[in-house]
Amino acid sequence: MDRIKLLLACCVLGAGVLRLVGQEPTPLGVFTPAQAEAGRVAYEKTCGKCHTTRLLGRRGDAGELPPVSSLSATYQEFIQAYGPVPPLAGKDFTARWGSKTVAQLISRFQEAVNAFPPDGMTDATTVEITAYALQVSGAKAGSRRLTRASDVTVSSITH
């Protein structure tokens, strides 16, 4: 009788271990809260003018903040010349960037910044803004600092 109980206990324990091993690991945060906060501050001073305060891009819809009319002539001309401004968060953003790595996203953000460099933008600022965009898209902060070498896919940390 004790052998049967022992065998049953081993089977239950083994099934539990197999279940845990078969699950995908939960990715740890790939940016720190401080990086995301610094990114928010920088975003509001720079990228938020074109990509809106909610990071949802600009399509010319009523109610986009800040209103285009409140921006400098330079920003207005830039937005008019390039048409819709893509989102940096949300489902359209995740659909576009979900299969890409965070490193690829940082590189793209850097390309965009280099094309229209806002005052005070540095390489570190681009990484921090990326951390903020990921946070707005549902990624959780952790203890690891975000770097340009992060090979985690965007969809694995956002939702």
Foldseek 3Di string as FASTA:
>chain_A
DVVVVVVVVVVVVVVVVVVVVPDDDQDAAQAAPVLLVLLLVVCVVPVCLQCNNLQAWDQPDPPGPPDLVVDDPVSVVVCVVVHIGHGLADDVNCVVQQQAFLLVVLVVLVVVCVVPPDPPDDSSNSQSNSSNSLVSQAFDHHDHHHDSPGGHGSNSGGD
